[in-house]
N, C-alpha and C. Protein backbone atom coordinates (compact mmCIF):
# COMPACT_ATOMS: atom_id res chain seq x y z
N MET A 1 11.10 -6.30 11.38
CA MET A 1 9.58 -6.86 11.64
C MET A 1 8.52 -6.12 11.47
N LEU A 2 8.99 -4.84 11.88
CA LEU A 2 7.73 -3.58 12.00
C LEU A 2 7.58 -3.48 10.42
N MET A 3 8.45 -3.32 9.56
CA MET A 3 8.44 -3.21 8.09
C MET A 3 7.53 -4.37 7.44
N VAL A 4 7.70 -5.78 8.09
CA VAL A 4 7.01 -6.75 7.57
C VAL A 4 5.30 -6.50 8.09
N LEU A 5 5.12 -6.05 9.30
CA LEU A 5 3.82 -5.94 9.66
C LEU A 5 3.39 -4.60 8.96
N GLU A 6 4.08 -3.72 8.55
CA GLU A 6 3.44 -2.46 7.45
C GLU A 6 2.94 -3.00 6.28
N SER A 7 4.00 -3.76 5.63
CA SER A 7 3.50 -4.32 4.39
C SER A 7 2.21 -5.38 4.48
N ALA A 8 2.18 -5.95 5.58
CA ALA A 8 1.18 -6.86 5.81
C ALA A 8 -0.20 -6.20 5.91
N ALA A 9 -0.37 -5.02 5.56
CA ALA A 9 -1.65 -4.36 5.93
C ALA A 9 -1.80 -4.09 7.27
N ILE A 10 -0.93 -4.07 8.17
CA ILE A 10 -1.17 -3.52 9.49
C ILE A 10 -0.34 -2.20 9.55
N PRO A 11 -1.16 -1.06 9.93
CA PRO A 11 -0.64 0.16 9.62
C PRO A 11 0.28 0.71 10.52
N VAL A 12 1.45 0.17 10.46
CA VAL A 12 2.66 0.79 11.36
C VAL A 12 3.40 1.72 10.53
N PRO A 13 3.70 2.94 11.11
CA PRO A 13 4.30 4.14 10.26
C PRO A 13 5.53 3.63 9.82
N SER A 14 5.80 3.27 8.59
CA SER A 14 6.97 3.01 7.85
C SER A 14 8.05 4.55 7.86
N GLU A 15 7.40 5.26 7.60
CA GLU A 15 8.00 6.59 7.98
C GLU A 15 8.90 6.93 9.11
N LEU A 16 8.14 6.50 10.23
CA LEU A 16 8.91 6.58 11.53
C LEU A 16 10.09 5.55 11.67
N VAL A 17 9.67 4.49 11.43
CA VAL A 17 10.72 3.24 11.45
C VAL A 17 11.89 3.48 10.39
N MET A 18 11.82 3.70 9.34
CA MET A 18 12.93 3.99 8.31
C MET A 18 13.61 5.14 8.80
N THR A 19 12.99 6.35 9.21
CA THR A 19 13.81 7.31 9.49
C THR A 19 14.64 7.22 10.85
N PHE A 20 13.92 6.46 11.73
CA PHE A 20 14.62 6.24 12.97
C PHE A 20 15.80 5.43 12.91
N GLY A 21 15.73 4.27 11.82
CA GLY A 21 16.70 3.52 11.50
C GLY A 21 17.84 4.35 10.93
N GLY A 22 17.58 5.29 10.00
CA GLY A 22 18.57 6.00 9.54
C GLY A 22 19.33 7.10 10.56
N PHE A 23 18.56 7.31 11.68
CA PHE A 23 19.04 8.22 12.78
C PHE A 23 19.91 7.53 13.55
N LEU A 24 19.37 6.20 13.90
CA LEU A 24 20.38 5.28 14.63
C LEU A 24 21.75 5.11 13.97
N ALA A 25 21.47 4.99 12.35
CA ALA A 25 22.96 4.68 11.79
C ALA A 25 23.87 5.98 11.93
N ILE A 26 23.42 7.09 11.76
CA ILE A 26 24.09 8.37 11.99
C ILE A 26 24.83 8.27 13.25
N HIS A 27 24.43 7.64 14.44
CA HIS A 27 25.11 7.67 15.50
C HIS A 27 25.79 6.00 15.72
N GLY A 28 26.06 5.34 14.75
CA GLY A 28 26.79 4.32 14.77
C GLY A 28 26.17 3.27 15.16
N HIS A 29 24.89 3.30 15.60
CA HIS A 29 24.20 1.98 16.29
C HIS A 29 23.83 0.96 15.34
N LEU A 30 23.81 1.31 13.83
CA LEU A 30 23.29 0.38 12.80
C LEU A 30 24.04 1.10 11.66
N ASN A 31 24.24 0.36 10.71
CA ASN A 31 24.62 0.51 9.36
C ASN A 31 23.33 1.13 8.45
N LEU A 32 23.72 2.35 7.68
CA LEU A 32 22.76 2.71 6.87
C LEU A 32 22.26 1.62 5.55
N ALA A 33 23.19 0.94 5.07
CA ALA A 33 23.00 0.05 4.08
C ALA A 33 22.08 -1.07 4.58
N GLU A 34 22.46 -1.64 5.82
CA GLU A 34 21.65 -2.77 6.25
C GLU A 34 20.09 -2.27 6.80
N VAL A 35 20.06 -0.93 7.33
CA VAL A 35 18.77 -0.29 7.63
C VAL A 35 18.05 -0.55 6.45
N VAL A 36 18.44 0.13 5.29
CA VAL A 36 17.62 -0.07 3.94
C VAL A 36 17.40 -1.40 3.59
N ALA A 37 18.16 -2.68 3.52
CA ALA A 37 18.00 -3.91 3.14
C ALA A 37 17.23 -4.35 4.07
N ALA A 38 17.10 -4.21 5.25
CA ALA A 38 16.09 -4.80 6.27
C ALA A 38 14.71 -4.15 5.86
N GLY A 39 14.57 -3.00 5.75
CA GLY A 39 13.32 -2.39 5.55
C GLY A 39 12.77 -3.00 4.23
N VAL A 40 13.61 -3.01 3.01
CA VAL A 40 13.05 -3.58 1.70
C VAL A 40 12.74 -5.05 2.12
N VAL A 41 13.48 -5.85 2.73
CA VAL A 41 13.13 -7.40 2.85
C VAL A 41 11.90 -7.47 3.61
N GLY A 42 11.88 -6.74 4.69
CA GLY A 42 10.47 -6.49 5.47
C GLY A 42 9.24 -6.24 4.60
N ASN A 43 9.47 -5.22 3.68
CA ASN A 43 8.37 -4.97 2.69
C ASN A 43 7.95 -5.99 1.76
N VAL A 44 9.00 -6.92 1.19
CA VAL A 44 8.68 -7.87 0.26
C VAL A 44 8.02 -8.85 1.12
N VAL A 45 8.62 -9.20 2.31
CA VAL A 45 7.87 -10.46 2.91
C VAL A 45 6.55 -9.92 3.42
N GLY A 46 6.46 -8.81 4.02
CA GLY A 46 5.01 -8.47 4.36
C GLY A 46 4.01 -8.66 3.16
N SER A 47 4.53 -7.88 2.21
CA SER A 47 3.52 -7.84 0.86
C SER A 47 3.17 -9.13 0.32
N TYR A 48 4.32 -10.10 0.65
CA TYR A 48 3.66 -11.68 0.12
C TYR A 48 2.58 -12.06 0.95
N ILE A 49 2.89 -11.69 2.24
CA ILE A 49 1.75 -12.11 3.26
C ILE A 49 0.35 -11.73 2.99
N ALA A 50 0.33 -10.24 2.62
CA ALA A 50 -0.95 -9.50 2.15
C ALA A 50 -1.24 -9.94 0.68
N TRP A 51 -0.46 -10.34 -0.17
CA TRP A 51 -0.96 -10.76 -1.39
C TRP A 51 -1.66 -12.06 -1.29
N LEU A 52 -1.22 -13.12 -0.23
CA LEU A 52 -1.80 -14.32 -0.01
C LEU A 52 -3.10 -14.23 0.81
N ILE A 53 -3.29 -13.22 1.37
CA ILE A 53 -4.58 -12.83 1.80
C ILE A 53 -5.55 -12.29 0.82
N GLY A 54 -5.17 -11.49 0.00
CA GLY A 54 -5.73 -11.08 -1.08
C GLY A 54 -6.04 -12.22 -2.03
N ARG A 55 -5.29 -12.88 -2.19
CA ARG A 55 -5.50 -14.11 -3.34
C ARG A 55 -6.66 -15.04 -2.80
N TYR A 56 -6.34 -15.60 -1.50
CA TYR A 56 -7.12 -16.60 -1.08
C TYR A 56 -8.37 -16.19 -0.34
N VAL A 57 -8.45 -15.06 -0.08
CA VAL A 57 -9.66 -14.73 0.95
C VAL A 57 -10.27 -13.44 0.26
N GLY A 58 -9.61 -12.55 -0.43
CA GLY A 58 -10.10 -11.37 -0.83
C GLY A 58 -11.00 -11.35 -1.97
N ARG A 59 -11.07 -12.28 -2.94
CA ARG A 59 -12.33 -12.32 -3.76
C ARG A 59 -13.52 -12.73 -3.18
N ALA A 60 -13.39 -13.82 -2.42
CA ALA A 60 -14.50 -14.46 -1.83
C ALA A 60 -15.15 -13.30 -0.99
N VAL A 61 -14.51 -12.70 -0.34
CA VAL A 61 -15.08 -11.68 0.73
C VAL A 61 -15.63 -10.82 -0.10
N ILE A 62 -15.13 -9.97 -1.01
CA ILE A 62 -15.83 -9.08 -2.05
C ILE A 62 -16.93 -9.56 -2.67
N LEU A 63 -16.89 -10.85 -2.90
CA LEU A 63 -18.32 -11.39 -3.65
C LEU A 63 -19.43 -11.86 -2.43
N SER A 64 -18.98 -12.03 -1.32
CA SER A 64 -19.99 -12.26 -0.59
C SER A 64 -20.37 -10.80 0.35
N PHE A 65 -19.71 -9.85 0.19
CA PHE A 65 -20.06 -8.63 1.00
C PHE A 65 -20.16 -7.66 0.42
N GLY A 66 -19.61 -7.65 -1.01
CA GLY A 66 -19.72 -6.50 -1.82
C GLY A 66 -20.82 -5.82 -2.15
N ARG A 67 -21.99 -6.71 -2.21
CA ARG A 67 -23.17 -5.97 -2.59
C ARG A 67 -23.54 -5.12 -1.31
N TYR A 68 -23.20 -5.10 -0.03
CA TYR A 68 -23.40 -4.06 0.95
C TYR A 68 -22.49 -2.79 0.53
N LEU A 69 -21.55 -2.88 -0.14
CA LEU A 69 -20.99 -1.93 -0.57
C LEU A 69 -21.23 -1.53 -1.85
N LEU A 70 -22.42 -1.95 -2.70
CA LEU A 70 -22.76 -1.56 -3.95
C LEU A 70 -21.82 -2.26 -4.94
N ILE A 71 -20.84 -3.23 -4.64
CA ILE A 71 -20.02 -3.67 -5.69
C ILE A 71 -20.57 -4.98 -6.33
N LYS A 72 -20.78 -4.95 -7.45
CA LYS A 72 -21.16 -6.23 -8.15
C LYS A 72 -20.13 -6.99 -8.72
N GLU A 73 -20.52 -8.19 -9.14
CA GLU A 73 -19.42 -9.17 -9.39
C GLU A 73 -18.70 -8.67 -10.80
N ASP A 74 -19.58 -7.82 -11.61
CA ASP A 74 -19.26 -7.35 -13.15
C ASP A 74 -17.88 -6.21 -12.75
N ASP A 75 -18.12 -5.52 -11.41
CA ASP A 75 -17.32 -4.45 -11.10
C ASP A 75 -15.93 -5.03 -10.81
N LEU A 76 -16.01 -6.40 -10.01
CA LEU A 76 -14.90 -7.09 -9.68
C LEU A 76 -13.95 -7.54 -11.05
N ALA A 77 -14.79 -7.98 -11.69
CA ALA A 77 -14.43 -8.38 -13.15
C ALA A 77 -13.75 -7.43 -13.83
N LYS A 78 -14.06 -6.35 -13.80
CA LYS A 78 -13.66 -4.82 -14.60
C LYS A 78 -12.23 -4.85 -13.77
N ALA A 79 -12.01 -4.54 -12.55
CA ALA A 79 -10.91 -4.51 -11.74
C ALA A 79 -9.90 -5.42 -12.03
N GLU A 80 -10.25 -6.31 -12.21
CA GLU A 80 -9.29 -7.83 -12.49
C GLU A 80 -8.72 -7.57 -13.64
N ARG A 81 -9.39 -7.07 -14.54
CA ARG A 81 -9.11 -6.85 -15.89
C ARG A 81 -7.99 -5.77 -16.04
N TRP A 82 -8.57 -4.66 -15.14
CA TRP A 82 -7.73 -3.84 -15.32
C TRP A 82 -6.33 -4.01 -14.62
N PHE A 83 -6.36 -4.73 -13.43
CA PHE A 83 -5.15 -5.03 -12.70
C PHE A 83 -4.41 -6.08 -13.68
N GLU A 84 -4.82 -6.88 -14.60
CA GLU A 84 -3.93 -7.60 -15.23
C GLU A 84 -3.03 -6.83 -16.28
N LYS A 85 -3.80 -5.64 -16.66
CA LYS A 85 -2.97 -4.74 -17.80
C LYS A 85 -2.17 -3.77 -17.14
N ARG A 86 -2.43 -3.24 -15.69
CA ARG A 86 -1.68 -2.16 -15.32
C ARG A 86 -1.14 -2.61 -13.87
N GLY A 87 -1.07 -3.72 -13.23
CA GLY A 87 -1.09 -4.22 -12.11
C GLY A 87 0.34 -3.83 -11.76
N GLU A 88 1.31 -4.03 -12.32
CA GLU A 88 2.63 -3.73 -12.35
C GLU A 88 2.97 -2.42 -12.00
N LEU A 89 2.21 -1.47 -12.89
CA LEU A 89 2.18 -0.26 -12.78
C LEU A 89 2.00 0.36 -10.92
N ALA A 90 0.65 -0.13 -10.85
CA ALA A 90 -0.24 -0.11 -9.88
C ALA A 90 0.70 -0.53 -8.39
N VAL A 91 1.38 -1.64 -8.55
CA VAL A 91 2.19 -2.06 -7.35
C VAL A 91 3.35 -1.37 -7.51
N PHE A 92 4.11 -0.98 -8.29
CA PHE A 92 5.22 -0.19 -8.08
C PHE A 92 4.87 1.36 -7.82
N VAL A 93 4.00 1.86 -8.20
CA VAL A 93 3.64 3.30 -7.59
C VAL A 93 2.90 3.20 -6.17
N GLY A 94 2.52 2.29 -6.05
CA GLY A 94 1.61 1.94 -4.81
C GLY A 94 2.76 1.84 -3.58
N ARG A 95 3.78 1.31 -4.05
CA ARG A 95 4.96 1.36 -3.11
C ARG A 95 5.50 2.83 -2.89
N LEU A 96 5.26 3.60 -3.66
CA LEU A 96 6.05 4.66 -3.26
C LEU A 96 5.06 5.71 -2.34
N LEU A 97 3.76 5.35 -2.29
CA LEU A 97 2.87 6.06 -1.72
C LEU A 97 2.56 5.52 -0.05
N PRO A 98 2.65 7.02 0.43
CA PRO A 98 2.32 6.41 2.15
C PRO A 98 0.76 6.17 1.87
N VAL A 99 0.63 5.06 2.80
CA VAL A 99 -0.89 4.71 2.87
C VAL A 99 -1.31 3.69 2.01
N VAL A 100 -0.96 3.96 0.52
CA VAL A 100 -1.59 3.08 -0.46
C VAL A 100 -0.38 2.01 -0.26
N ARG A 101 0.69 2.09 -0.02
CA ARG A 101 1.69 1.31 -0.10
C ARG A 101 1.47 -0.12 0.87
N THR A 102 0.73 0.41 1.94
CA THR A 102 0.53 -0.64 3.15
C THR A 102 -0.68 -1.59 2.29
N PHE A 103 -1.39 -1.26 1.53
CA PHE A 103 -2.65 -2.08 1.09
C PHE A 103 -2.59 -2.22 -0.20
N ILE A 104 -1.83 -2.01 -1.05
CA ILE A 104 -1.71 -2.43 -2.54
C ILE A 104 -1.65 -3.86 -2.78
N SER A 105 -0.78 -4.73 -1.91
CA SER A 105 -0.89 -6.13 -2.07
C SER A 105 -2.01 -6.88 -2.14
N ILE A 106 -3.11 -6.40 -1.30
CA ILE A 106 -4.30 -6.97 -1.20
C ILE A 106 -5.07 -7.12 -2.75
N PRO A 107 -5.05 -6.01 -3.26
CA PRO A 107 -5.70 -6.06 -4.62
C PRO A 107 -5.00 -6.94 -5.58
N ALA A 108 -3.54 -6.78 -5.46
CA ALA A 108 -2.59 -7.58 -6.22
C ALA A 108 -2.91 -9.10 -6.21
N GLY A 109 -3.20 -9.48 -5.03
CA GLY A 109 -3.34 -10.82 -4.73
C GLY A 109 -4.82 -11.40 -5.21
N ALA A 110 -5.80 -10.56 -4.97
CA ALA A 110 -7.12 -10.70 -5.32
C ALA A 110 -7.32 -10.86 -6.87
N GLY A 111 -6.32 -10.01 -7.78
CA GLY A 111 -6.41 -9.83 -9.03
C GLY A 111 -5.55 -10.82 -9.56
N GLU A 112 -5.03 -11.83 -8.77
CA GLU A 112 -3.80 -13.01 -9.06
C GLU A 112 -2.84 -12.62 -10.13
N MET A 113 -2.34 -11.47 -9.73
CA MET A 113 -1.13 -10.92 -10.40
C MET A 113 -0.08 -12.05 -10.03
N ARG A 114 0.69 -12.35 -10.71
CA ARG A 114 1.80 -13.31 -10.70
C ARG A 114 2.75 -13.16 -9.85
N LEU A 115 3.05 -14.02 -8.84
CA LEU A 115 3.86 -14.11 -7.53
C LEU A 115 5.24 -13.50 -7.95
N VAL A 116 5.99 -13.81 -8.96
CA VAL A 116 7.24 -13.52 -9.25
C VAL A 116 7.30 -11.74 -9.52
N ARG A 117 6.20 -11.65 -10.46
CA ARG A 117 6.15 -10.42 -10.95
C ARG A 117 5.81 -9.24 -10.21
N PHE A 118 5.07 -9.74 -9.04
CA PHE A 118 4.55 -8.85 -7.98
C PHE A 118 5.68 -8.58 -7.16
N GLY A 119 6.55 -9.39 -6.98
CA GLY A 119 7.74 -9.61 -5.96
C GLY A 119 8.72 -8.52 -6.55
N LEU A 120 8.83 -8.57 -7.93
CA LEU A 120 9.78 -7.81 -8.45
C LEU A 120 9.44 -6.50 -8.21
N TYR A 121 8.16 -5.83 -8.71
CA TYR A 121 7.80 -4.84 -8.63
C TYR A 121 7.48 -4.07 -7.32
N THR A 122 7.31 -5.08 -6.28
CA THR A 122 7.37 -4.74 -4.74
C THR A 122 8.83 -4.29 -4.49
N LEU A 123 9.53 -4.93 -4.90
CA LEU A 123 11.17 -4.76 -4.77
C LEU A 123 11.32 -3.49 -5.22
N LEU A 124 11.21 -3.38 -6.41
CA LEU A 124 11.80 -2.13 -6.98
C LEU A 124 11.14 -0.79 -6.59
N GLY A 125 9.77 -0.80 -6.26
CA GLY A 125 9.16 0.58 -5.57
C GLY A 125 9.46 0.46 -3.76
N SER A 126 9.98 -0.29 -3.44
CA SER A 126 10.21 -0.19 -1.95
C SER A 126 11.60 0.09 -1.98
N ILE A 127 12.38 -0.17 -2.73
CA ILE A 127 13.72 0.26 -2.77
C ILE A 127 13.80 1.89 -2.69
N PRO A 128 13.46 2.61 -3.53
CA PRO A 128 13.52 4.15 -3.44
C PRO A 128 12.68 4.68 -2.02
N PHE A 129 11.66 4.18 -1.75
CA PHE A 129 11.00 4.57 -0.62
C PHE A 129 11.79 4.42 0.80
N ASP A 130 12.14 3.25 1.04
CA ASP A 130 12.91 2.83 2.13
C ASP A 130 14.10 3.59 1.85
N LEU A 131 15.02 3.78 1.05
CA LEU A 131 16.27 4.42 1.13
C LEU A 131 16.18 5.90 1.21
N ALA A 132 15.15 6.80 0.51
CA ALA A 132 14.76 7.90 0.91
C ALA A 132 14.52 8.26 2.43
N LEU A 133 13.77 7.34 3.05
CA LEU A 133 13.54 7.68 4.45
C LEU A 133 14.57 7.52 5.33
N ALA A 134 15.29 6.42 4.92
CA ALA A 134 16.55 6.19 6.01
C ALA A 134 17.59 7.27 5.85
N VAL A 135 17.89 7.60 4.51
CA VAL A 135 18.95 8.51 4.12
C VAL A 135 18.38 10.03 4.97
N ALA A 136 17.05 10.28 4.97
CA ALA A 136 16.46 11.40 5.32
C ALA A 136 16.79 11.41 6.99
N GLY A 137 16.62 10.35 7.61
CA GLY A 137 16.82 10.08 9.03
C GLY A 137 18.47 10.23 9.19
N TYR A 138 19.08 9.79 8.51
CA TYR A 138 20.46 9.84 8.50
C TYR A 138 21.14 11.33 8.43
N GLU A 139 20.55 11.95 7.25
CA GLU A 139 20.89 13.41 7.07
C GLU A 139 20.56 14.15 8.08
N LEU A 140 19.35 14.38 8.64
CA LEU A 140 18.93 15.07 9.58
C LEU A 140 19.41 14.84 10.82
N GLY A 141 19.88 13.62 11.23
CA GLY A 141 20.32 13.60 12.80
C GLY A 141 19.17 13.55 13.49
N SER A 142 19.27 14.40 14.65
CA SER A 142 18.51 14.40 15.64
C SER A 142 17.02 15.39 15.06
N ASN A 143 17.28 15.74 14.05
CA ASN A 143 16.15 16.80 13.42
C ASN A 143 15.16 15.59 12.73
N TYR A 144 15.24 14.43 12.79
CA TYR A 144 14.59 13.26 11.81
C TYR A 144 13.07 13.51 12.22
N SER A 145 12.68 14.06 13.43
CA SER A 145 11.27 14.01 13.45
C SER A 145 10.34 14.88 12.43
N SER A 146 11.16 16.28 11.85
CA SER A 146 10.86 17.09 11.15
C SER A 146 10.11 16.40 9.91
N VAL A 147 11.19 15.20 9.56
CA VAL A 147 10.79 14.56 8.29
C VAL A 147 9.80 13.53 8.28
N VAL A 148 9.86 13.17 9.51
CA VAL A 148 8.47 12.13 9.73
C VAL A 148 7.35 12.89 9.71
N ARG A 149 7.29 13.92 10.16
CA ARG A 149 6.07 14.79 10.39
C ARG A 149 5.53 15.03 8.75
N ALA A 150 6.45 15.72 8.00
CA ALA A 150 6.25 16.13 6.72
C ALA A 150 5.70 14.82 5.80
N VAL A 151 6.17 13.40 6.10
CA VAL A 151 5.95 12.68 5.14
C VAL A 151 4.76 11.90 5.86
N GLN A 152 4.42 11.80 7.10
CA GLN A 152 3.17 11.57 7.60
C GLN A 152 2.04 12.62 7.25
N ASP A 153 2.32 13.91 7.06
CA ASP A 153 1.20 14.64 6.62
C ASP A 153 1.03 14.44 5.35
N SER A 154 2.02 14.13 4.35
CA SER A 154 1.56 13.88 2.85
C SER A 154 0.79 12.68 2.88
N GLY A 155 1.01 11.63 3.92
CA GLY A 155 0.29 10.34 4.07
C GLY A 155 -0.98 10.65 4.33
N TYR A 156 -1.36 11.67 5.36
CA TYR A 156 -2.91 12.18 5.43
C TYR A 156 -3.62 12.75 4.29
N VAL A 157 -2.81 13.37 3.44
CA VAL A 157 -3.41 14.26 2.27
C VAL A 157 -4.03 13.11 1.06
N ILE A 158 -3.00 11.97 1.04
CA ILE A 158 -3.18 11.00 0.24
C ILE A 158 -4.19 10.32 0.84
N ALA A 159 -4.41 9.92 2.15
CA ALA A 159 -5.33 9.11 2.61
C ALA A 159 -6.84 9.78 2.41
N ALA A 160 -6.91 11.21 2.74
CA ALA A 160 -8.27 12.00 2.40
C ALA A 160 -8.44 11.99 0.87
N LEU A 161 -7.37 11.74 0.17
CA LEU A 161 -7.83 11.58 -1.58
C LEU A 161 -8.48 10.27 -1.42
N VAL A 162 -7.92 9.29 -1.10
CA VAL A 162 -8.36 7.94 -1.03
C VAL A 162 -9.89 7.86 -0.82
N VAL A 163 -9.89 8.71 0.73
CA VAL A 163 -11.51 8.41 1.26
C VAL A 163 -12.55 8.98 0.18
N LEU A 164 -12.06 10.22 -0.39
CA LEU A 164 -12.84 11.18 -1.33
C LEU A 164 -13.48 10.14 -2.61
N VAL A 165 -12.18 9.60 -3.05
CA VAL A 165 -12.45 8.58 -4.10
C VAL A 165 -13.29 7.58 -3.94
N VAL A 166 -13.29 6.86 -2.70
CA VAL A 166 -14.25 5.80 -2.34
C VAL A 166 -15.61 6.29 -2.02
N VAL A 167 -15.76 7.78 -1.58
CA VAL A 167 -17.01 8.14 -1.17
C VAL A 167 -17.73 8.71 -2.43
N ALA A 168 -16.97 8.96 -3.25
CA ALA A 168 -17.53 9.29 -4.68
C ALA A 168 -17.97 8.32 -5.42
N PHE A 169 -17.28 7.32 -5.44
CA PHE A 169 -17.59 5.79 -6.02
C PHE A 169 -18.71 5.51 -5.52
N PHE A 170 -19.17 5.34 -4.17
CA PHE A 170 -20.35 4.73 -3.57
C PHE A 170 -21.47 5.93 -3.62
N TYR A 171 -21.27 6.89 -3.79
CA TYR A 171 -22.44 7.90 -4.20
C TYR A 171 -22.77 7.88 -5.46
N VAL A 172 -21.71 7.67 -6.61
CA VAL A 172 -22.09 7.17 -7.80
C VAL A 172 -23.00 6.07 -7.92
N ARG A 173 -22.40 5.06 -7.46
CA ARG A 173 -23.31 3.90 -7.26
C ARG A 173 -24.83 3.75 -6.86
N PHE A 174 -24.81 4.61 -5.47
CA PHE A 174 -26.08 4.81 -4.87
C PHE A 174 -27.04 5.42 -5.88
N LYS A 175 -26.53 6.53 -6.50
CA LYS A 175 -27.40 7.28 -7.55
C LYS A 175 -27.81 6.16 -8.71
N GLN A 176 -26.69 5.41 -9.17
CA GLN A 176 -27.23 4.53 -10.15
C GLN A 176 -28.04 3.46 -9.77
N LYS A 177 -28.04 2.82 -8.76
CA LYS A 177 -29.05 1.79 -8.03
C LYS A 177 -30.44 2.60 -7.90
N LYS A 178 -30.31 4.02 -7.48
CA LYS A 178 -31.68 4.52 -7.05
C LYS A 178 -32.53 4.79 -8.40
N ASN A 179 -31.68 5.25 -9.68
CA ASN A 179 -32.25 5.61 -10.86
C ASN A 179 -32.83 4.10 -11.57
N LEU A 180 -32.08 3.38 -11.35
CA LEU A 180 -32.49 2.00 -11.92
C LEU A 180 -33.70 1.46 -11.27
N ALA A 181 -33.89 1.41 -9.79
CA ALA A 181 -34.91 1.32 -9.24
C ALA A 181 -36.28 2.19 -9.53
N GLY A 182 -35.84 3.51 -9.99
CA GLY A 182 -36.88 4.44 -10.21
C GLY A 182 -37.38 4.20 -11.76
N SER A 183 -36.63 3.61 -12.65
CA SER A 183 -37.16 3.42 -14.09
C SER A 183 -38.09 2.09 -14.08
N ASN A 184 -37.91 1.31 -12.95
CA ASN A 184 -38.64 -0.14 -12.95
C ASN A 184 -39.76 0.22 -12.66
């Protein structure tokens, strides 16, 4: 259930959930293969929920409120075209990255990525991520908290990079808008 929430864009730390599942498996409370399977199923189910939100609400919200974020309809069309060409790669790689994995389903839905292809690439990206975390928790036993810390720290770095990219995007947009207003 926690992995469903994490993939439905509710930031539950999958690093903690999956490594703890691996930790419980080493002590015989759970089966490692079942921990991985449950994590992957949770990821796929939660991702479909987020895809549906992106599909039926995402575009309308972006068009309604995008101007406050300096996003134009043309920008959305470009993003949709990019996602049509590279959406599978974005979903697969996004599923492997902390933080990004929580939210990648929303643009996939907004970009109208085909549901079956989305599910396939979500599945393929979720398996190695969930397997690695569960095995790390299993292998490290009671030291699993050190793995959680390392993965969470990498998640913070990725989150910081995402924030920097977003800030740079808005800075460039603001400068473009200011230059257009100055030339009129």
